[in-house]
C-alpha cells in the first residue's frame, strides 16, 4: 500500500490529467461539448467517492465498472480520439491502488473497450482503425509496464524503509548515546536512500528515454505513411513495438543489475549493438571508432554505456541531429569518450536530469565531463576517466 502523502500526490495527478483531457476534447468537439462535460464530471465524481469515502469493497468495484462504461460512451462521442487517455489515467490509479491481478483485469477491460470504440467509430474499416489500434496497444503496454515497475520500486522502497526504521529503534534502545547515534544514523539513512533512488531513477531514465525516442521516430514515420502505404506503415509500427519490448527487457536487466551488481557482458559489442539499433530505428548515421580497451570496472562500463545512450537520445530528440561522431579510446592512462552531433546546438547547456546524473557518475569515478555547443554548430561532450592498468 502507498503512504498517505503518495496517495494524495497520485490523486492530484489524476485530477490534473482528467481536467487537461476534458479541456482538450471539449475544445475539439464543438457539436456536443455539454454531454461530454457531463459524462466526464460523472466519472470524476465516481472516482472521488471511491477515494474519499471508505465504502464496502463491492461498491468501489461496481463504481470502476461504471466508470469504464461511461468513458466508453465518451470515446464514442469524441472525434479527437483523445478520450482514451481517461482509460490510461484510470489504469494508472488501479495499478497503484489495487492488487496487480485486479488491476490487470480492469486494464484489459479498458483496452478492449478502447479498441471496440475505435472499430465502431471507423465503421469496421481496417485501414481506419488498425493504425490507431496499434498506437493504443503500444501506449497501454508501455504505461502498464512503467507504472507496474514504479509500483514494485515503491513497495521495495517501503520495505527497506520499514526495515531500516525497525533496526533504528532496536539500535537506539541498545545504545547509551541516543542523541549522537540517532543523528548519525538518520544522515546515513538519507544518504543511502537518496543514492539508491538516484541510481534507480538514472537507470530508468537512460533506458526508457533512449527507447521512447526511437519509438517516437518510428511511430511518426508510420503515421505519415498510414494514409498512402499501409503495409509500410504497419512495418514501422511493428519496429516500434519491437523497440518497446527491447526497452522493457533492458529495463528489467537494469533492475537486476542494480539488485545483484552483475556486469555488462561484452562491453564493446554492447556499444555496437546500441549504435546499430539507433541507426536502424532513427535513420541517423554514427561514425564509430572504438579502440582497444583495458579490462574496465563495472561502474566505468555502466557509466560509459549510459553516457552513449543519453548523448544519442539528447542529440536526436533535442538537437535534431542526423549524424554523429563517436570515439572511445584508451590513451595515456585515461579512458577518452567523445560524442558529437550535427544538430541545432544551443547557446547554453541546460543540465537536466540525464546530464546531471551523467556528471555525478563521472565525478564519482574521478573523471571530468566537458561539453561544447553553439547555435547551429551541433553539440559535443567529452569524458575523461583516469584508469591505470594493473
Protein backbone atom coordinates (compact mmCIF):
# COMPACT_ATOMS: atom_id res chain seq x y z
CA UNK A 1 0.00 0.00 0.00
CA UNK A 2 1.13 3.56 -0.68
CA UNK A 3 1.70 6.15 2.01
CA UNK A 4 -0.93 8.80 2.61
CA UNK A 5 1.26 11.51 1.08
CA UNK A 6 1.96 9.44 -2.05
CA UNK A 7 -1.76 8.74 -2.45
CA UNK A 8 -2.56 12.46 -2.21
CA UNK A 9 0.01 13.19 -4.91
CA UNK A 10 -1.46 10.46 -7.14
CA UNK A 11 -4.99 11.79 -6.73
CA UNK A 12 -3.78 15.29 -7.60
CA UNK A 13 -2.06 13.99 -10.75
CA UNK A 14 -5.17 12.08 -11.83
CA UNK A 15 -7.41 15.11 -11.31
CA UNK A 16 -4.97 17.17 -13.40
CA UNK A 17 -4.93 14.59 -16.23
CA UNK A 18 -8.72 14.40 -16.19
CA UNK A 19 -9.02 18.18 -16.34
CA UNK A 20 -6.48 18.63 -19.17
CA UNK A 21 -8.01 15.81 -21.23
CA UNK A 22 -11.51 17.18 -20.66
CA UNK A 23 -10.49 20.68 -21.76
CA UNK A 24 -8.87 19.27 -24.89
CA UNK A 25 -11.72 17.03 -26.04
CA UNK A 26 -14.36 19.68 -25.26
CA UNK A 27 -12.46 22.17 -27.43
CA UNK A 28 -12.29 19.55 -30.23
CA UNK A 29 -15.97 18.53 -30.03
CA UNK A 30 -17.88 21.76 -30.63
CA UNK A 31 -21.14 19.98 -31.50
CA UNK A 32 -21.62 18.06 -28.26
CA UNK A 33 -19.39 19.64 -25.56
CA UNK A 34 -22.06 19.64 -22.84
CA UNK A 35 -22.79 15.92 -22.91
CA UNK A 36 -19.03 15.11 -22.84
CA UNK A 37 -18.53 17.53 -19.95
CA UNK A 38 -21.46 15.98 -18.07
CA UNK A 39 -20.23 12.41 -18.58
CA UNK A 40 -16.67 13.34 -17.58
CA UNK A 41 -17.99 15.01 -14.44
CA UNK A 42 -19.88 11.80 -13.59
CA UNK A 43 -16.65 9.80 -13.96
CA UNK A 44 -14.72 12.24 -11.79
CA UNK A 45 -17.49 12.23 -9.16
CA UNK A 46 -17.46 8.42 -9.05
CA UNK A 47 -13.67 8.45 -8.71
CA UNK A 48 -13.90 10.97 -5.87
CA UNK A 49 -16.45 8.88 -3.99
CA UNK A 50 -14.15 5.85 -4.25
CA UNK A 51 -11.15 7.76 -2.98
CA UNK A 52 -12.55 9.91 -0.20
CA UNK A 53 -15.14 7.60 1.36
CA UNK A 54 -14.44 4.22 2.95
CA UNK A 55 -17.11 2.20 1.18
CA UNK A 56 -17.70 -1.57 1.27
CA UNK A 57 -15.47 -3.45 -1.17
CA UNK A 58 -18.25 -4.32 -3.63
CA UNK A 59 -19.28 -0.67 -4.16
CA UNK A 60 -15.87 0.62 -5.41
CA UNK A 61 -15.60 -2.37 -7.75
CA UNK A 62 -19.02 -1.60 -9.22
CA UNK A 63 -18.05 2.08 -9.46
CA UNK A 64 -14.95 1.18 -11.51
CA UNK A 65 -17.04 -0.85 -13.95
CA UNK A 66 -19.48 2.07 -14.16
CA UNK A 67 -16.59 4.45 -14.92
CA UNK A 68 -15.29 2.15 -17.68
CA UNK A 69 -18.70 2.16 -19.35
CA UNK A 70 -19.11 5.94 -19.12
CA UNK A 71 -15.64 6.51 -20.58
CA UNK A 72 -16.56 4.13 -23.44
CA UNK A 73 -19.52 6.39 -24.23
CA UNK A 74 -17.21 9.42 -24.15
CA UNK A 75 -14.85 7.65 -26.59
CA UNK A 76 -17.76 7.07 -28.95
CA UNK A 77 -18.74 10.77 -28.86
CA UNK A 78 -15.20 12.16 -29.05
CA UNK A 79 -13.97 12.86 -32.59
CA UNK A 80 -10.42 13.68 -31.47
CA UNK A 81 -9.68 10.10 -30.26
CA UNK A 82 -8.06 11.56 -27.13
CA UNK A 83 -10.68 10.29 -24.69
CA UNK A 84 -8.77 7.00 -24.32
CA UNK A 85 -6.39 8.99 -22.05
CA UNK A 86 -9.22 8.75 -19.50
CA UNK A 87 -8.73 4.96 -19.64
CA UNK A 88 -4.96 5.29 -19.24
CA UNK A 89 -5.41 7.61 -16.24
CA UNK A 90 -7.88 5.20 -14.63
CA UNK A 91 -5.50 2.30 -15.31
CA UNK A 92 -2.62 4.13 -13.55
CA UNK A 93 -4.81 4.59 -10.46
CA UNK A 94 -5.89 0.93 -10.43
CA UNK A 95 -2.34 -0.44 -10.81
CA UNK A 96 -1.04 1.68 -7.94
CA UNK A 97 -4.01 1.26 -5.60
CA UNK A 98 -5.23 -2.31 -6.21
CA UNK A 99 -3.71 -5.82 -6.30
CA UNK A 100 -1.97 -6.43 -9.62
CA UNK A 101 -4.36 -9.22 -10.74
CA UNK A 102 -7.40 -6.98 -10.30
CA UNK A 103 -5.60 -4.07 -11.97
CA UNK A 104 -4.68 -6.31 -14.92
CA UNK A 105 -8.32 -7.39 -15.37
CA UNK A 106 -9.58 -3.79 -15.38
CA UNK A 107 -6.70 -2.71 -17.65
CA UNK A 108 -7.59 -5.46 -20.14
CA UNK A 109 -11.23 -4.41 -19.99
CA UNK A 110 -10.43 -0.76 -20.65
CA UNK A 111 -8.10 -1.76 -23.52
CA UNK A 112 -10.78 -3.92 -25.18
CA UNK A 113 -13.37 -1.17 -24.79
CA UNK A 114 -10.99 1.34 -26.38
CA UNK A 115 -10.37 -0.97 -29.35
CA UNK A 116 -14.12 -1.60 -29.68
CA UNK A 117 -14.79 2.15 -29.69
CA UNK A 118 -12.22 2.61 -32.47
CA UNK A 119 -13.67 -0.21 -34.57
CA UNK A 120 -17.18 1.20 -34.26
CA UNK A 121 -16.00 4.77 -34.89
CA UNK A 122 -14.31 3.76 -38.16
CA UNK A 123 -17.27 1.60 -39.19
CA UNK A 124 -15.28 -1.65 -39.16
CA UNK A 125 -12.83 -0.31 -41.78
CA UNK A 126 -9.36 -1.85 -41.01
CA UNK A 127 -7.49 0.93 -42.80
CA UNK A 128 -9.08 3.39 -40.40
CA UNK A 129 -8.81 1.66 -37.05
CA UNK A 130 -5.73 -0.62 -37.42
CA UNK A 131 -3.05 2.15 -37.24
CA UNK A 132 -4.75 3.79 -34.26
CA UNK A 133 -5.29 0.44 -32.59
CA UNK A 134 -1.55 -0.25 -32.86
CA UNK A 135 -0.76 3.09 -31.23
CA UNK A 136 -3.28 2.41 -28.46
CA UNK A 137 -1.75 -1.05 -27.90
CA UNK A 138 1.75 0.40 -27.60
CA UNK A 139 0.52 3.12 -25.24
CA UNK A 140 -1.29 0.64 -22.98
CA UNK A 141 1.69 -1.72 -22.90
CA UNK A 142 4.26 0.97 -22.13
CA UNK A 143 2.12 2.70 -19.48
CA UNK A 144 1.14 -0.59 -17.78
CA UNK A 145 4.72 -1.85 -17.56
CA UNK A 146 6.16 1.53 -16.50
CA UNK A 147 3.59 2.03 -13.72
CA UNK A 148 3.87 -1.61 -12.59
CA UNK A 149 7.66 -1.28 -12.30
CA UNK A 150 7.20 2.01 -10.43
CA UNK A 151 4.81 0.28 -8.03
CA UNK A 152 7.33 -2.51 -7.41
CA UNK A 153 10.03 0.06 -6.69
CA UNK A 154 7.73 1.94 -4.30
CA UNK A 155 6.88 -1.27 -2.43
CA UNK A 156 10.54 -2.28 -2.24
CA UNK A 157 11.47 1.18 -1.01
CA UNK A 158 8.78 1.00 1.68
CA UNK A 159 10.00 -2.42 2.80
CA UNK A 160 13.55 -1.06 3.02
CA UNK A 161 12.33 1.98 4.96
CA UNK A 162 10.32 -0.19 7.37
CA UNK A 163 13.29 -2.48 7.94
CA UNK A 164 15.59 0.49 8.49
CA UNK A 165 13.13 2.00 10.94
CA UNK A 166 12.90 -1.26 12.89
CA UNK A 167 16.67 -1.55 13.04
CA UNK A 168 16.94 2.08 14.08
CA UNK A 169 14.55 1.57 17.01
CA UNK A 170 16.40 -1.55 18.19
CA UNK A 171 19.76 0.15 17.87
CA UNK A 172 18.62 3.22 19.77
CA UNK A 173 17.19 1.06 22.56
CA UNK A 174 20.53 -0.72 22.98
CA UNK A 175 22.84 2.28 22.81
CA UNK A 176 23.51 4.70 25.61
CA UNK A 177 24.46 7.62 23.39
CA UNK A 178 20.96 8.03 22.00
CA UNK A 179 21.20 11.54 20.52
CA UNK A 180 24.54 11.10 18.74
CA UNK A 181 23.64 7.73 17.21
CA UNK A 182 20.22 8.93 16.10
CA UNK A 183 21.65 11.95 14.29
CA UNK A 184 24.41 9.95 12.59
CA UNK A 185 22.04 7.15 11.58
CA UNK A 186 19.49 9.50 10.08
CA UNK A 187 22.16 11.18 7.97
CA UNK A 188 23.41 7.82 6.75
CA UNK A 189 19.87 6.64 6.03
CA UNK A 190 19.05 9.75 3.98
CA UNK A 191 22.28 9.49 2.00
CA UNK A 192 21.78 5.78 1.30
CA UNK A 193 18.16 6.13 0.20
CA UNK A 194 18.95 9.19 -1.94
CA UNK A 195 21.87 7.43 -3.62
CA UNK A 196 19.83 4.30 -4.39
CA UNK A 197 16.88 6.37 -5.58
CA UNK A 198 19.09 8.41 -7.91
CA UNK A 199 20.73 5.25 -9.19
CA UNK A 200 17.36 3.62 -9.97
CA UNK A 201 15.99 6.82 -11.49
CA UNK A 202 19.13 7.19 -13.62
CA UNK A 203 18.88 3.63 -14.94
CA UNK A 204 15.20 4.05 -15.82
CA UNK A 205 15.82 7.49 -17.39
CA UNK A 206 18.67 6.24 -19.58
CA UNK A 207 16.89 3.08 -20.74
CA UNK A 208 13.33 4.40 -21.17
CA UNK A 209 14.46 7.75 -22.58
CA UNK A 210 16.51 6.19 -25.36
CA UNK A 211 13.86 3.57 -26.17
CA UNK A 212 10.98 6.05 -26.32
CA UNK A 213 12.99 8.40 -28.55
CA UNK A 214 13.49 5.67 -31.16
CA UNK A 215 9.88 4.51 -30.77
CA UNK A 216 8.55 8.04 -31.36
CA UNK A 217 10.63 8.35 -34.53
CA UNK A 218 9.24 5.04 -35.83
CA UNK A 219 5.66 6.00 -34.93
CA UNK A 220 5.96 9.41 -36.61
CA UNK A 221 7.11 7.69 -39.80
CA UNK A 222 4.28 5.18 -39.50
CA UNK A 223 1.71 7.94 -39.03
CA UNK A 224 2.93 9.77 -42.14
CA UNK A 225 2.80 6.56 -44.19
CA UNK A 226 -0.57 5.28 -42.90
CA UNK A 227 -2.65 7.12 -45.49
CA UNK A 228 -0.60 6.17 -48.55
CA UNK A 229 1.32 2.97 -47.76
CA UNK A 230 -0.41 0.92 -45.07
CA UNK A 231 1.90 -2.17 -45.28
CA UNK A 232 5.00 0.01 -44.81
CA UNK A 233 3.25 1.91 -42.02
CA UNK A 234 2.45 -1.38 -40.26
CA UNK A 235 6.10 -2.37 -40.65
CA UNK A 236 7.14 0.84 -38.88
CA UNK A 237 4.63 0.21 -36.09
CA UNK A 238 5.95 -3.34 -35.73
CA UNK A 239 9.50 -1.96 -35.43
CA UNK A 240 8.30 0.47 -32.77
CA UNK A 241 6.60 -2.40 -30.93
CA UNK A 242 9.83 -4.42 -31.08
CA UNK A 243 11.74 -1.47 -29.63
CA UNK A 244 9.26 -1.23 -26.75
CA UNK A 245 9.79 -4.91 -25.98
CA UNK A 246 13.54 -4.47 -26.14
CA UNK A 247 13.34 -1.40 -23.88
CA UNK A 248 11.32 -3.34 -21.32
CA UNK A 249 13.85 -6.17 -21.38
CA UNK A 250 16.69 -3.69 -20.91
CA UNK A 251 14.78 -2.08 -18.05
CA UNK A 252 14.35 -5.46 -16.36
CA UNK A 253 18.05 -6.16 -16.90
CA UNK A 254 18.94 -2.79 -15.34
CA UNK A 255 16.84 -3.59 -12.27
CA UNK A 256 18.55 -7.00 -11.97
CA UNK A 257 21.95 -5.34 -12.31
CA UNK A 258 21.09 -2.93 -9.51
CA UNK A 259 19.92 -5.86 -7.42
CA UNK A 260 22.90 -8.20 -7.78
CA UNK A 261 25.62 -5.99 -9.25
CA UNK A 262 26.10 -8.14 -12.37
CA UNK A 263 28.43 -6.89 -15.08
CA UNK A 264 27.67 -5.62 -18.57
CA UNK A 265 28.76 -8.59 -20.67
CA UNK A 266 30.86 -7.94 -23.80
CA UNK A 267 31.18 -4.19 -23.31
CA UNK A 268 32.35 -3.13 -26.80
CA UNK A 269 29.81 -5.39 -28.62
CA UNK A 270 27.06 -3.93 -26.39
CA UNK A 271 28.02 -0.43 -27.52
CA UNK A 272 27.97 -1.53 -31.17
CA UNK A 273 24.51 -3.10 -30.75
CA UNK A 274 23.22 0.15 -29.24
CA UNK A 275 24.71 2.13 -32.14
CA UNK A 276 23.31 -0.19 -34.84
CA UNK A 277 19.84 -0.22 -33.24
CA UNK A 278 19.85 3.57 -33.07
CA UNK A 279 20.86 3.85 -36.74
CA UNK A 280 18.20 1.32 -37.75
CA UNK A 281 15.27 2.88 -35.91
CA UNK A 282 16.06 6.61 -36.24
CA UNK A 283 17.78 6.82 -39.66
CA UNK A 284 20.79 8.68 -38.25
CA UNK A 285 24.41 7.96 -39.14
CA UNK A 286 27.04 7.29 -36.45
CA UNK A 287 30.73 7.29 -37.37
CA UNK A 288 32.23 4.97 -34.75
CA UNK A 289 35.80 4.44 -33.56
CA UNK A 290 36.25 2.10 -30.58
CA UNK A 291 39.89 1.40 -29.80
CA UNK A 292 41.46 -1.40 -27.79
CA UNK A 293 40.37 -1.01 -24.18
CA UNK A 294 41.72 -2.46 -20.93
CA UNK A 295 39.55 -4.59 -18.65
CA UNK A 296 37.26 -1.95 -17.14
CA UNK A 297 35.35 -1.97 -13.87
CA UNK A 298 31.59 -2.46 -13.75
CA UNK A 299 30.98 1.17 -12.77
CA UNK A 300 33.03 2.55 -15.68
CA UNK A 301 31.28 0.27 -18.20
CA UNK A 302 27.83 1.30 -16.97
CA UNK A 303 28.78 4.99 -16.90
CA UNK A 304 30.12 4.97 -20.48
CA UNK A 305 27.23 2.89 -21.83
CA UNK A 306 24.66 5.20 -20.21
CA UNK A 307 26.57 8.27 -21.44
CA UNK A 308 26.30 6.99 -25.02
CA UNK A 309 22.57 6.32 -24.55
CA UNK A 310 21.97 9.78 -23.09
CA UNK A 311 24.12 11.55 -25.71
CA UNK A 312 22.38 9.86 -28.66
CA UNK A 313 18.93 10.41 -27.14
CA UNK A 314 19.54 14.12 -26.50
CA UNK A 315 21.18 14.62 -29.88
CA UNK A 316 18.19 13.10 -31.72
CA UNK A 317 15.35 14.37 -29.54
CA UNK A 318 16.54 17.86 -28.61
CA UNK A 319 19.39 18.57 -31.04
CA UNK A 320 17.59 17.21 -34.14
CA UNK A 321 20.90 15.65 -35.16
CA UNK A 322 21.16 13.34 -38.16
CA UNK A 323 24.85 12.43 -37.95
CA UNK A 324 27.13 11.60 -35.01
CA UNK A 325 30.83 11.00 -34.41
CA UNK A 326 31.65 8.61 -31.56
CA UNK A 327 35.13 7.75 -30.30
CA UNK A 328 36.15 5.63 -27.31
CA UNK A 329 39.89 5.04 -26.79
CA UNK A 330 42.47 4.42 -24.06
CA UNK A 331 45.32 6.95 -24.12
CA UNK A 332 47.91 7.97 -21.53
CA UNK A 333 46.22 6.05 -18.69
CA UNK A 334 42.89 7.74 -19.47
CA UNK A 335 39.64 6.48 -20.94
CA UNK A 336 38.60 9.09 -23.55
CA UNK A 337 34.92 9.19 -24.60
CA UNK A 338 33.89 11.67 -27.32
CA UNK A 339 30.45 12.12 -28.92
CA UNK A 340 29.43 14.97 -31.27
CA UNK A 341 26.41 15.64 -33.49
CA UNK A 342 25.48 17.97 -36.34
CA UNK A 343 22.29 19.20 -34.65
CA UNK A 344 20.95 22.68 -33.96
CA UNK A 345 23.14 23.14 -30.88
CA UNK A 346 22.30 25.70 -28.21
CA UNK A 347 23.61 28.90 -26.67
CA UNK A 348 23.92 27.45 -23.17
CA UNK A 349 23.85 23.98 -21.61
CA UNK A 350 20.79 23.05 -19.56
CA UNK A 351 21.77 20.32 -17.11
CA UNK A 352 18.58 18.28 -16.97
CA UNK A 353 18.17 15.03 -15.06
CA UNK A 354 20.14 12.94 -17.57
CA UNK A 355 23.18 15.23 -17.79
CA UNK A 356 23.24 15.76 -14.02
CA UNK A 357 23.21 12.00 -13.43
CA UNK A 358 25.97 11.56 -16.01
CA UNK A 359 28.11 14.29 -14.40
CA UNK A 360 27.65 12.79 -10.92
CA UNK A 361 28.61 9.29 -12.09
CA UNK A 362 31.75 10.60 -13.80
CA UNK A 363 32.69 12.66 -10.75
CA UNK A 364 32.40 9.55 -8.52
CA UNK A 365 34.92 7.84 -10.82
CA UNK A 366 37.35 10.77 -10.53
CA UNK A 367 36.75 11.81 -14.12
CA UNK A 368 35.73 15.01 -15.88
CA UNK A 369 32.95 16.00 -18.30
CA UNK A 370 33.43 18.69 -20.93
CA UNK A 371 30.54 20.00 -23.09
CA UNK A 372 30.78 22.30 -26.10
CA UNK A 373 27.83 23.74 -28.01
CA UNK A 374 26.98 26.71 -30.21
CA UNK A 375 23.73 27.61 -32.02
CA UNK A 376 23.62 25.75 -35.36
CA UNK A 377 27.06 24.25 -34.63
CA UNK A 378 26.00 20.99 -33.03
CA UNK A 379 26.69 19.57 -29.58
CA UNK A 380 29.65 17.59 -28.27
CA UNK A 381 30.61 16.02 -24.98
CA UNK A 382 33.93 14.58 -23.90
CA UNK A 383 34.52 12.36 -20.88
CA UNK A 384 37.94 11.67 -19.42
CA UNK A 385 38.30 8.98 -16.75
CA UNK A 386 41.76 8.18 -15.32
CA UNK A 387 42.43 4.43 -15.38
CA UNK A 388 45.71 2.65 -14.75
CA UNK A 389 46.02 -0.96 -15.87
CA UNK A 390 47.09 -3.34 -13.13
